[in-house]
Amino acid sequence: MKKLILSAAIILGSFTTFAHTTAISQSVEMTKTVEDGYVEIKLEEVPSSVILALKTAKPDAVIEKAYINEKKEYKLDIKTGDVASTVYTDAAGKLK
């Protein structure tokens, strides 16, 4: 009987540990978005001028994620071969 109660206590205790870990990781991600000032957008929402400027500067680059801030500046997470990097540009496509 003691083993059954002990097992139940351990199992119930492990559920609270997992729930607590998830809540912390979500709050960290939300803080990063607010601090950074950029909000993720769909790749279809990136202007053609930005895509053209990127393809001119880095022809082999593939856009993985795109973000925009209030000033209409874009942050693009790109991958060239095996190398991942971030590129910043304005709405006209001028790389920073």
Protein backbone atom coordinates (compact mmCIF):
# COMPACT_ATOMS: atom_id res chain seq x y z
CA MET A 1 0.00 0.00 0.00
CA LYS A 2 2.85 2.38 0.82
CA LYS A 3 4.42 1.70 -2.57
CA LEU A 4 1.17 2.53 -4.34
CA ILE A 5 0.78 5.86 -2.53
CA LEU A 6 4.45 6.72 -3.09
CA SER A 7 4.17 5.90 -6.82
CA ALA A 8 1.08 8.07 -7.17
CA ALA A 9 2.80 10.98 -5.43
CA ILE A 10 5.84 10.74 -7.71
CA ILE A 11 3.71 10.61 -10.86
CA LEU A 12 1.58 13.59 -9.81
CA GLY A 13 4.70 15.54 -8.86
CA SER A 14 6.26 14.94 -12.27
CA PHE A 15 3.22 16.44 -14.05
CA THR A 16 3.65 19.76 -12.27
CA THR A 17 7.33 19.88 -13.24
CA PHE A 18 6.55 19.60 -16.95
CA ALA A 19 3.81 22.23 -16.83
CA HIS A 20 6.08 24.71 -15.08
CA THR A 21 8.92 24.25 -17.61
CA THR A 22 6.61 24.95 -20.57
CA ALA A 23 5.31 28.18 -19.05
CA ILE A 24 8.83 29.54 -18.56
CA SER A 25 9.96 28.84 -22.13
CA GLN A 26 6.86 30.54 -23.58
CA SER A 27 7.37 33.71 -21.55
CA VAL A 28 11.01 33.93 -22.66
CA GLU A 29 10.01 33.73 -26.34
CA MET A 30 7.38 36.46 -25.92
CA THR A 31 9.91 38.74 -24.21
CA LYS A 32 12.35 38.29 -27.10
CA THR A 33 9.76 39.44 -29.66
CA VAL A 34 8.83 42.53 -27.65
CA GLU A 35 12.48 43.47 -26.89
CA ASP A 36 13.54 43.00 -30.50
CA GLY A 37 10.70 45.11 -31.90
CA TYR A 38 10.19 42.79 -34.86
CA VAL A 39 7.08 40.70 -35.48
CA GLU A 40 7.18 37.59 -37.66
CA ILE A 41 5.35 37.80 -40.97
CA LYS A 42 4.63 35.35 -43.78
CA LEU A 43 7.21 35.12 -46.55
CA GLU A 44 4.53 36.18 -49.05
CA GLU A 45 4.26 39.53 -47.24
CA VAL A 46 7.90 40.50 -47.95
CA PRO A 47 8.00 43.15 -50.71
CA SER A 48 9.53 42.18 -54.03
CA SER A 49 12.07 45.02 -53.70
CA VAL A 50 13.45 43.39 -50.54
CA ILE A 51 13.63 39.95 -52.16
CA LEU A 52 15.29 41.36 -55.29
CA ALA A 53 17.90 43.21 -53.24
CA LEU A 54 18.69 40.05 -51.28
CA LYS A 55 18.99 37.93 -54.43
CA THR A 56 21.31 40.54 -55.95
CA ALA A 57 23.56 40.67 -52.89
CA LYS A 58 23.42 36.95 -52.04
CA PRO A 59 22.16 34.88 -54.99
CA ASP A 60 22.31 31.55 -53.15
CA ALA A 61 20.43 32.77 -50.06
CA VAL A 62 17.13 31.22 -49.01
CA ILE A 63 14.80 33.17 -46.72
CA GLU A 64 13.73 31.00 -43.79
CA LYS A 65 11.82 33.58 -41.68
CA ALA A 66 10.86 37.23 -42.13
CA TYR A 67 10.08 39.89 -39.54
CA ILE A 68 8.95 43.54 -39.69
CA ASN A 69 9.05 46.38 -37.16
CA GLU A 70 7.04 49.60 -36.82
CA LYS A 71 9.46 51.54 -39.07
CA LYS A 72 8.79 49.08 -41.94
CA GLU A 73 12.29 47.64 -41.62
CA TYR A 74 12.72 43.95 -42.33
CA LYS A 75 14.76 41.32 -40.54
CA LEU A 76 15.37 38.23 -42.65
CA ASP A 77 16.73 34.97 -41.30
CA ILE A 78 18.50 33.45 -44.29
CA LYS A 79 20.53 30.36 -45.04
CA THR A 80 23.31 30.19 -47.60
CA GLY A 81 24.41 26.59 -47.95
CA ASP A 82 24.95 25.42 -44.36
CA VAL A 83 25.50 28.93 -42.97
CA ALA A 84 22.60 30.70 -41.26
CA SER A 85 22.63 34.47 -40.83
CA THR A 86 20.39 37.50 -40.39
CA VAL A 87 20.02 40.39 -42.83
CA TYR A 88 18.37 43.74 -42.12
CA THR A 89 16.83 45.90 -44.84
CA ASP A 90 14.39 48.76 -45.30
CA ALA A 91 11.20 48.61 -47.42
CA ALA A 92 13.08 49.82 -50.53
CA GLY A 93 15.49 46.87 -50.29
CA LYS A 94 18.54 48.78 -49.04
CA LEU A 95 20.60 46.30 -47.00
CA LYS A 96 21.94 47.50 -43.67
